[in-house]
Amino acid sequence: MFHKVKSVEPLKDFNLSVVFLDGTRKNYDVKQLFKYEAFGDLKKIQGLYEQVKVDAGGYGISWNDNIDIACDELWENGKSA
């Protein structure tokens, strides 16, 4: 079952506040993904992290064509807020 994303907000220290369509809110720590080269750009490129947006249909979030996170990852590994 997909837990579609309604909104996402970048927080301090590379955390995200994610709201799902059912109203559930979770915080997701992006730092755990810095071991992957593409996610390192969020630290290196000034202002990129703040450009996070919900993908069409709510199936995930993205920053650009190379950096995205699926809704299931956000749901399963996010912490209840």
PDB file of N, CA and C in Angstrom:
ATOM      1  N   MET A   1       0.837  -1.185   0.000  1.00  0.00           N
ATOM      2  CA  MET A   1       0.000   0.000   0.000  1.00  0.00           C
ATOM      3  C   MET A   1       0.883   1.249   0.000  1.00  0.00           C
ATOM      4  N   PHE A   2       0.558   2.157  -0.870  1.00  0.00           N
ATOM      5  CA  PHE A   2       1.295   3.413  -0.928  1.00  0.00           C
ATOM      6  C   PHE A   2       0.739   4.394   0.091  1.00  0.00           C
ATOM      7  N   HIS A   3       1.631   5.074   0.778  1.00  0.00           N
ATOM      8  CA  HIS A   3       1.263   6.147   1.688  1.00  0.00           C
ATOM      9  C   HIS A   3       1.691   7.434   0.990  1.00  0.00           C
ATOM     10  N   LYS A   4       0.782   8.004   0.239  1.00  0.00           N
ATOM     11  CA  LYS A   4       1.123   9.161  -0.588  1.00  0.00           C
ATOM     12  C   LYS A   4       1.433  10.396   0.243  1.00  0.00           C
ATOM     13  N   VAL A   5       2.383  11.165  -0.259  1.00  0.00           N
ATOM     14  CA  VAL A   5       2.834  12.380   0.407  1.00  0.00           C
ATOM     15  C   VAL A   5       1.943  13.553   0.003  1.00  0.00           C
ATOM     16  N   LYS A   6       1.516  14.310   0.990  1.00  0.00           N
ATOM     17  CA  LYS A   6       0.723  15.521   0.749  1.00  0.00           C
ATOM     18  C   LYS A   6       1.619  16.752   0.704  1.00  0.00           C
ATOM     19  N   SER A   7       2.574  16.841   1.670  1.00  0.00           N
ATOM     20  CA  SER A   7       3.465  17.999   1.712  1.00  0.00           C
ATOM     21  C   SER A   7       4.782  17.610   2.365  1.00  0.00           C
ATOM     22  N   VAL A   8       5.802  18.415   2.090  1.00  0.00           N
ATOM     23  CA  VAL A   8       7.115  18.210   2.679  1.00  0.00           C
ATOM     24  C   VAL A   8       7.723  19.565   2.981  1.00  0.00           C
ATOM     25  N   GLU A   9       8.406  19.646   4.121  1.00  0.00           N
ATOM     26  CA  GLU A   9       9.054  20.894   4.525  1.00  0.00           C
ATOM     27  C   GLU A   9      10.470  20.571   5.009  1.00  0.00           C
ATOM     28  N   PRO A  10      11.471  21.280   4.474  1.00  0.00           N
ATOM     29  CA  PRO A  10      12.831  21.064   4.965  1.00  0.00           C
ATOM     30  C   PRO A  10      13.005  21.696   6.345  1.00  0.00           C
ATOM     31  N   LEU A  11      13.613  20.944   7.258  1.00  0.00           N
ATOM     32  CA  LEU A  11      13.899  21.422   8.601  1.00  0.00           C
ATOM     33  C   LEU A  11      15.411  21.555   8.779  1.00  0.00           C
ATOM     34  N   LYS A  12      15.813  22.020   9.944  1.00  0.00           N
ATOM     35  CA  LYS A  12      17.239  22.162  10.242  1.00  0.00           C
ATOM     36  C   LYS A  12      17.915  20.800  10.295  1.00  0.00           C
ATOM     37  N   ASP A  13      19.218  20.812  10.103  1.00  0.00           N
ATOM     38  CA  ASP A  13      20.055  19.622  10.258  1.00  0.00           C
ATOM     39  C   ASP A  13      19.633  18.477   9.330  1.00  0.00           C
ATOM     40  N   PHE A  14      19.183  18.806   8.132  1.00  0.00           N
ATOM     41  CA  PHE A  14      18.830  17.827   7.099  1.00  0.00           C
ATOM     42  C   PHE A  14      17.736  16.855   7.546  1.00  0.00           C
ATOM     43  N   ASN A  15      16.745  17.385   8.222  1.00  0.00           N
ATOM     44  CA  ASN A  15      15.540  16.630   8.548  1.00  0.00           C
ATOM     45  C   ASN A  15      14.393  17.188   7.717  1.00  0.00           C
ATOM     46  N   LEU A  16      13.434  16.326   7.433  1.00  0.00           N
ATOM     47  CA  LEU A  16      12.252  16.720   6.682  1.00  0.00           C
ATOM     48  C   LEU A  16      11.009  16.481   7.517  1.00  0.00           C
ATOM     49  N   SER A  17      10.048  17.362   7.413  1.00  0.00           N
ATOM     50  CA  SER A  17       8.726  17.151   7.975  1.00  0.00           C
ATOM     51  C   SER A  17       7.824  16.745   6.817  1.00  0.00           C
ATOM     52  N   VAL A  18       7.307  15.525   6.887  1.00  0.00           N
ATOM     53  CA  VAL A  18       6.506  14.971   5.792  1.00  0.00           C
ATOM     54  C   VAL A  18       5.088  14.728   6.292  1.00  0.00           C
ATOM     55  N   VAL A  19       4.100  15.235   5.553  1.00  0.00           N
ATOM     56  CA  VAL A  19       2.697  14.995   5.871  1.00  0.00           C
ATOM     57  C   VAL A  19       2.129  14.118   4.760  1.00  0.00           C
ATOM     58  N   PHE A  20       1.475  13.030   5.172  1.00  0.00           N
ATOM     59  CA  PHE A  20       0.877  12.101   4.225  1.00  0.00           C
ATOM     60  C   PHE A  20      -0.604  12.418   4.042  1.00  0.00           C
ATOM     61  N   LEU A  21      -1.205  11.881   2.983  1.00  0.00           N
ATOM     62  CA  LEU A  21      -2.596  12.200   2.672  1.00  0.00           C
ATOM     63  C   LEU A  21      -3.561  11.849   3.802  1.00  0.00           C
ATOM     64  N   ASP A  22      -3.223  10.839   4.597  1.00  0.00           N
ATOM     65  CA  ASP A  22      -4.119  10.465   5.698  1.00  0.00           C
ATOM     66  C   ASP A  22      -3.948  11.350   6.932  1.00  0.00           C
ATOM     67  N   GLY A  23      -3.058  12.365   6.830  1.00  0.00           N
ATOM     68  CA  GLY A  23      -2.843  13.297   7.932  1.00  0.00           C
ATOM     69  C   GLY A  23      -1.670  12.942   8.832  1.00  0.00           C
ATOM     70  N   THR A  24      -1.094  11.769   8.647  1.00  0.00           N
ATOM     71  CA  THR A  24       0.064  11.364   9.452  1.00  0.00           C
ATOM     72  C   THR A  24       1.249  12.275   9.145  1.00  0.00           C
ATOM     73  N   ARG A  25       1.946  12.691  10.199  1.00  0.00           N
ATOM     74  CA  ARG A  25       3.133  13.530  10.044  1.00  0.00           C
ATOM     75  C   ARG A  25       4.335  12.749  10.565  1.00  0.00           C
ATOM     76  N   LYS A  26       5.408  12.725   9.759  1.00  0.00           N
ATOM     77  CA  LYS A  26       6.636  12.047  10.165  1.00  0.00           C
ATOM     78  C   LYS A  26       7.831  12.932   9.874  1.00  0.00           C
ATOM     79  N   ASN A  27       8.873  12.764  10.678  1.00  0.00           N
ATOM     80  CA  ASN A  27      10.148  13.435  10.437  1.00  0.00           C
ATOM     81  C   ASN A  27      11.107  12.410   9.857  1.00  0.00           C
ATOM     82  N   TYR A  28      11.791  12.800   8.809  1.00  0.00           N
ATOM     83  CA  TYR A  28      12.721  11.907   8.129  1.00  0.00           C
ATOM     84  C   TYR A  28      14.105  12.535   8.135  1.00  0.00           C
ATOM     85  N   ASP A  29      15.100  11.765   8.586  1.00  0.00           N
ATOM     86  CA  ASP A  29      16.483  12.226   8.660  1.00  0.00           C
ATOM     87  C   ASP A  29      17.214  11.870   7.367  1.00  0.00           C
ATOM     88  N   VAL A  30      17.494  12.870   6.555  1.00  0.00           N
ATOM     89  CA  VAL A  30      18.140  12.665   5.261  1.00  0.00           C
ATOM     90  C   VAL A  30      19.613  12.296   5.418  1.00  0.00           C
ATOM     91  N   LYS A  31      20.225  12.641   6.537  1.00  0.00           N
ATOM     92  CA  LYS A  31      21.670  12.389   6.733  1.00  0.00           C
ATOM     93  C   LYS A  31      22.037  10.926   6.535  1.00  0.00           C
ATOM     94  N   GLN A  32      21.127  10.012   6.824  1.00  0.00           N
ATOM     95  CA  GLN A  32      21.403   8.590   6.664  1.00  0.00           C
ATOM     96  C   GLN A  32      21.657   8.213   5.200  1.00  0.00           C
ATOM     97  N   LEU A  33      21.273   9.077   4.280  1.00  0.00           N
ATOM     98  CA  LEU A  33      21.446   8.797   2.858  1.00  0.00           C
ATOM     99  C   LEU A  33      22.708   9.428   2.268  1.00  0.00           C
ATOM    100  N   PHE A  34      23.445  10.185   3.070  1.00  0.00           N
ATOM    101  CA  PHE A  34      24.646  10.858   2.572  1.00  0.00           C
ATOM    102  C   PHE A  34      25.726   9.879   2.129  1.00  0.00           C
ATOM    103  N   LYS A  35      25.613   8.615   2.508  1.00  0.00           N
ATOM    104  CA  LYS A  35      26.581   7.612   2.053  1.00  0.00           C
ATOM    105  C   LYS A  35      26.446   7.349   0.549  1.00  0.00           C
ATOM    106  N   TYR A  36      25.324   7.759  -0.025  1.00  0.00           N
ATOM    107  CA  TYR A  36      25.106   7.639  -1.473  1.00  0.00           C
ATOM    108  C   TYR A  36      25.519   8.946  -2.141  1.00  0.00           C
ATOM    109  N   GLU A  37      26.293   8.846  -3.188  1.00  0.00           N
ATOM    110  CA  GLU A  37      26.902  10.008  -3.835  1.00  0.00           C
ATOM    111  C   GLU A  37      25.904  11.109  -4.188  1.00  0.00           C
ATOM    112  N   ALA A  38      24.793  10.752  -4.786  1.00  0.00           N
ATOM    113  CA  ALA A  38      23.814  11.764  -5.212  1.00  0.00           C
ATOM    114  C   ALA A  38      23.313  12.598  -4.039  1.00  0.00           C
ATOM    115  N   PHE A  39      23.075  11.975  -2.898  1.00  0.00           N
ATOM    116  CA  PHE A  39      22.555  12.704  -1.749  1.00  0.00           C
ATOM    117  C   PHE A  39      23.584  13.638  -1.140  1.00  0.00           C
ATOM    118  N   GLY A  40      24.858  13.383  -1.372  1.00  0.00           N
ATOM    119  CA  GLY A  40      25.912  14.271  -0.908  1.00  0.00           C
ATOM    120  C   GLY A  40      25.788  15.665  -1.490  1.00  0.00           C
ATOM    121  N   ASP A  41      25.194  15.754  -2.684  1.00  0.00           N
ATOM    122  CA  ASP A  41      24.998  17.067  -3.313  1.00  0.00           C
ATOM    123  C   ASP A  41      24.110  17.980  -2.472  1.00  0.00           C
ATOM    124  N   LEU A  42      23.243  17.393  -1.644  1.00  0.00           N
ATOM    125  CA  LEU A  42      22.380  18.218  -0.797  1.00  0.00           C
ATOM    126  C   LEU A  42      23.199  19.016   0.205  1.00  0.00           C
ATOM    127  N   LYS A  43      24.365  18.498   0.574  1.00  0.00           N
ATOM    128  CA  LYS A  43      25.280  19.220   1.467  1.00  0.00           C
ATOM    129  C   LYS A  43      26.173  20.169   0.679  1.00  0.00           C
ATOM    130  N   LYS A  44      26.603  19.742  -0.500  1.00  0.00           N
ATOM    131  CA  LYS A  44      27.605  20.479  -1.276  1.00  0.00           C
ATOM    132  C   LYS A  44      27.037  21.686  -2.020  1.00  0.00           C
ATOM    133  N   ILE A  45      25.836  21.561  -2.556  1.00  0.00           N
ATOM    134  CA  ILE A  45      25.251  22.615  -3.390  1.00  0.00           C
ATOM    135  C   ILE A  45      24.345  23.487  -2.526  1.00  0.00           C
ATOM    136  N   GLN A  46      24.800  24.686  -2.263  1.00  0.00           N
ATOM    137  CA  GLN A  46      24.066  25.597  -1.389  1.00  0.00           C
ATOM    138  C   GLN A  46      22.669  25.881  -1.928  1.00  0.00           C
ATOM    139  N   GLY A  47      21.670  25.740  -1.058  1.00  0.00           N
ATOM    140  CA  GLY A  47      20.290  26.045  -1.417  1.00  0.00           C
ATOM    141  C   GLY A  47      19.519  24.879  -2.015  1.00  0.00           C
ATOM    142  N   LEU A  48      20.196  23.817  -2.425  1.00  0.00           N
ATOM    143  CA  LEU A  48      19.503  22.690  -3.062  1.00  0.00           C
ATOM    144  C   LEU A  48      18.566  21.990  -2.077  1.00  0.00           C
ATOM    145  N   TYR A  49      19.026  21.760  -0.864  1.00  0.00           N
ATOM    146  CA  TYR A  49      18.218  21.038   0.125  1.00  0.00           C
ATOM    147  C   TYR A  49      16.848  21.697   0.325  1.00  0.00           C
ATOM    148  N   GLU A  50      16.811  23.003   0.344  1.00  0.00           N
ATOM    149  CA  GLU A  50      15.570  23.742   0.583  1.00  0.00           C
ATOM    150  C   GLU A  50      14.593  23.665  -0.594  1.00  0.00           C
ATOM    151  N   GLN A  51      15.016  23.141  -1.730  1.00  0.00           N
ATOM    152  CA  GLN A  51      14.170  23.074  -2.922  1.00  0.00           C
ATOM    153  C   GLN A  51      13.342  21.790  -3.008  1.00  0.00           C
ATOM    154  N   VAL A  52      13.270  21.033  -1.934  1.00  0.00           N
ATOM    155  CA  VAL A  52      12.522  19.774  -1.937  1.00  0.00           C
ATOM    156  C   VAL A  52      11.058  20.023  -2.283  1.00  0.00           C
ATOM    157  N   LYS A  53      10.484  19.089  -3.042  1.00  0.00           N
ATOM    158  CA  LYS A  53       9.079  19.211  -3.444  1.00  0.00           C
ATOM    159  C   LYS A  53       8.449  17.820  -3.523  1.00  0.00           C
ATOM    160  N   VAL A  54       7.130  17.775  -3.455  1.00  0.00           N
ATOM    161  CA  VAL A  54       6.380  16.530  -3.591  1.00  0.00           C
ATOM    162  C   VAL A  54       6.280  16.198  -5.077  1.00  0.00           C
ATOM    163  N   ASP A  55       6.551  14.937  -5.412  1.00  0.00           N
ATOM    164  CA  ASP A  55       6.421  14.490  -6.798  1.00  0.00           C
ATOM    165  C   ASP A  55       4.947  14.412  -7.195  1.00  0.00           C
ATOM    166  N   ALA A  56       4.694  14.494  -8.479  1.00  0.00           N
ATOM    167  CA  ALA A  56       3.333  14.375  -9.000  1.00  0.00           C
ATOM    168  C   ALA A  56       2.713  13.065  -8.521  1.00  0.00           C
ATOM    169  N   GLY A  57       1.504  13.133  -8.023  1.00  0.00           N
ATOM    170  CA  GLY A  57       0.812  11.954  -7.536  1.00  0.00           C
ATOM    171  C   GLY A  57       1.109  11.612  -6.087  1.00  0.00           C
ATOM    172  N   GLY A  58       2.136  12.251  -5.495  1.00  0.00           N
ATOM    173  CA  GLY A  58       2.459  12.017  -4.100  1.00  0.00           C
ATOM    174  C   GLY A  58       3.234  10.747  -3.817  1.00  0.00           C
ATOM    175  N   TYR A  59       3.823  10.149  -4.863  1.00  0.00           N
ATOM    176  CA  TYR A  59       4.534   8.885  -4.682  1.00  0.00           C
ATOM    177  C   TYR A  59       5.953   9.054  -4.150  1.00  0.00           C
ATOM    178  N   GLY A  60       6.341  10.255  -3.849  1.00  0.00           N
ATOM    179  CA  GLY A  60       7.660  10.516  -3.294  1.00  0.00           C
ATOM    180  C   GLY A  60       7.948  12.001  -3.289  1.00  0.00           C
ATOM    181  N   ILE A  61       9.212  12.318  -2.985  1.00  0.00           N
ATOM    182  CA  ILE A  61       9.673  13.707  -2.992  1.00  0.00           C
ATOM    183  C   ILE A  61      10.949  13.765  -3.816  1.00  0.00           C
ATOM    184  N   SER A  62      11.298  14.956  -4.267  1.00  0.00           N
ATOM    185  CA  SER A  62      12.526  15.075  -5.042  1.00  0.00           C
ATOM    186  C   SER A  62      13.088  16.478  -4.933  1.00  0.00           C
ATOM    187  N   TRP A  63      14.356  16.564  -5.297  1.00  0.00           N
ATOM    188  CA  TRP A  63      15.065  17.832  -5.364  1.00  0.00           C
ATOM    189  C   TRP A  63      15.394  18.172  -6.809  1.00  0.00           C
ATOM    190  N   ASN A  64      15.720  17.156  -7.582  1.00  0.00           N
ATOM    191  CA  ASN A  64      16.018  17.315  -9.009  1.00  0.00           C
ATOM    192  C   ASN A  64      15.853  15.950  -9.672  1.00  0.00           C
ATOM    193  N   ASP A  65      16.305  15.809 -10.901  1.00  0.00           N
ATOM    194  CA  ASP A  65      16.141  14.545 -11.621  1.00  0.00           C
ATOM    195  C   ASP A  65      16.980  13.406 -11.048  1.00  0.00           C
ATOM    196  N   ASN A  66      17.988  13.722 -10.239  1.00  0.00           N
ATOM    197  CA  ASN A  66      18.895  12.703  -9.715  1.00  0.00           C
ATOM    198  C   ASN A  66      18.666  12.353  -8.253  1.00  0.00           C
ATOM    199  N   ILE A  67      17.946  13.190  -7.515  1.00  0.00           N
ATOM    200  CA  ILE A  67      17.796  12.979  -6.080  1.00  0.00           C
ATOM    201  C   ILE A  67      16.314  12.912  -5.725  1.00  0.00           C
ATOM    202  N   ASP A  68      15.889  11.731  -5.266  1.00  0.00           N
ATOM    203  CA  ASP A  68      14.499  11.567  -4.852  1.00  0.00           C
ATOM    204  C   ASP A  68      14.393  10.496  -3.778  1.00  0.00           C
ATOM    205  N   ILE A  69      13.263  10.488  -3.087  1.00  0.00           N
ATOM    206  CA  ILE A  69      12.977   9.493  -2.057  1.00  0.00           C
ATOM    207  C   ILE A  69      11.535   9.035  -2.258  1.00  0.00           C
ATOM    208  N   ALA A  70      11.328   7.731  -2.277  1.00  0.00           N
ATOM    209  CA  ALA A  70       9.995   7.166  -2.466  1.00  0.00           C
ATOM    210  C   ALA A  70       9.136   7.337  -1.217  1.00  0.00           C
ATOM    211  N   CYS A  71       7.832   7.402  -1.417  1.00  0.00           N
ATOM    212  CA  CYS A  71       6.904   7.578  -0.300  1.00  0.00           C
ATOM    213  C   CYS A  71       7.011   6.440   0.708  1.00  0.00           C
ATOM    214  N   ASP A  72       7.227   5.218   0.257  1.00  0.00           N
ATOM    215  CA  ASP A  72       7.347   4.094   1.183  1.00  0.00           C
ATOM    216  C   ASP A  72       8.566   4.224   2.091  1.00  0.00           C
ATOM    217  N   GLU A  73       9.682   4.701   1.561  1.00  0.00           N
ATOM    218  CA  GLU A  73      10.881   4.932   2.372  1.00  0.00           C
ATOM    219  C   GLU A  73      10.599   5.972   3.451  1.00  0.00           C
ATOM    220  N   LEU A  74       9.933   7.038   3.080  1.00  0.00           N
ATOM    221  CA  LEU A  74       9.606   8.100   4.040  1.00  0.00           C
ATOM    222  C   LEU A  74       8.680   7.571   5.135  1.00  0.00           C
ATOM    223  N   TRP A  75       7.704   6.756   4.744  1.00  0.00           N
ATOM    224  CA  TRP A  75       6.748   6.203   5.690  1.00  0.00           C
ATOM    225  C   TRP A  75       7.420   5.215   6.643  1.00  0.00           C
ATOM    226  N   GLU A  76       8.165   4.266   6.078  1.00  0.00           N
ATOM    227  CA  GLU A  76       8.738   3.182   6.871  1.00  0.00           C
ATOM    228  C   GLU A  76       9.882   3.651   7.775  1.00  0.00           C
ATOM    229  N   ASN A  77      10.673   4.617   7.340  1.00  0.00           N
ATOM    230  CA  ASN A  77      11.847   5.040   8.109  1.00  0.00           C
ATOM    231  C   ASN A  77      11.720   6.421   8.735  1.00  0.00           C
ATOM    232  N   GLY A  78      10.580   7.060   8.526  1.00  0.00           N
ATOM    233  CA  GLY A  78      10.325   8.328   9.204  1.00  0.00           C
ATOM    234  C   GLY A  78       9.862   8.066  10.629  1.00  0.00           C
ATOM    235  N   LYS A  79      10.091   9.036  11.482  1.00  0.00           N
ATOM    236  CA  LYS A  79       9.687   8.914  12.880  1.00  0.00           C
ATOM    237  C   LYS A  79       8.432   9.770  13.113  1.00  0.00           C
ATOM    238  N   SER A  80       7.484   9.228  13.826  1.00  0.00           N
ATOM    239  CA  SER A  80       6.236   9.961  14.095  1.00  0.00           C
ATOM    240  C   SER A  80       6.546  11.291  14.752  1.00  0.00           C
ATOM    241  N   ALA A  81       5.873  12.323  14.260  1.00  0.00           N
ATOM    242  CA  ALA A  81       6.106  13.681  14.774  1.00  0.00           C
ATOM    243  C   ALA A  81       4.989  14.109  15.704  1.00  0.00           C
TER     244      ALA A  81
END
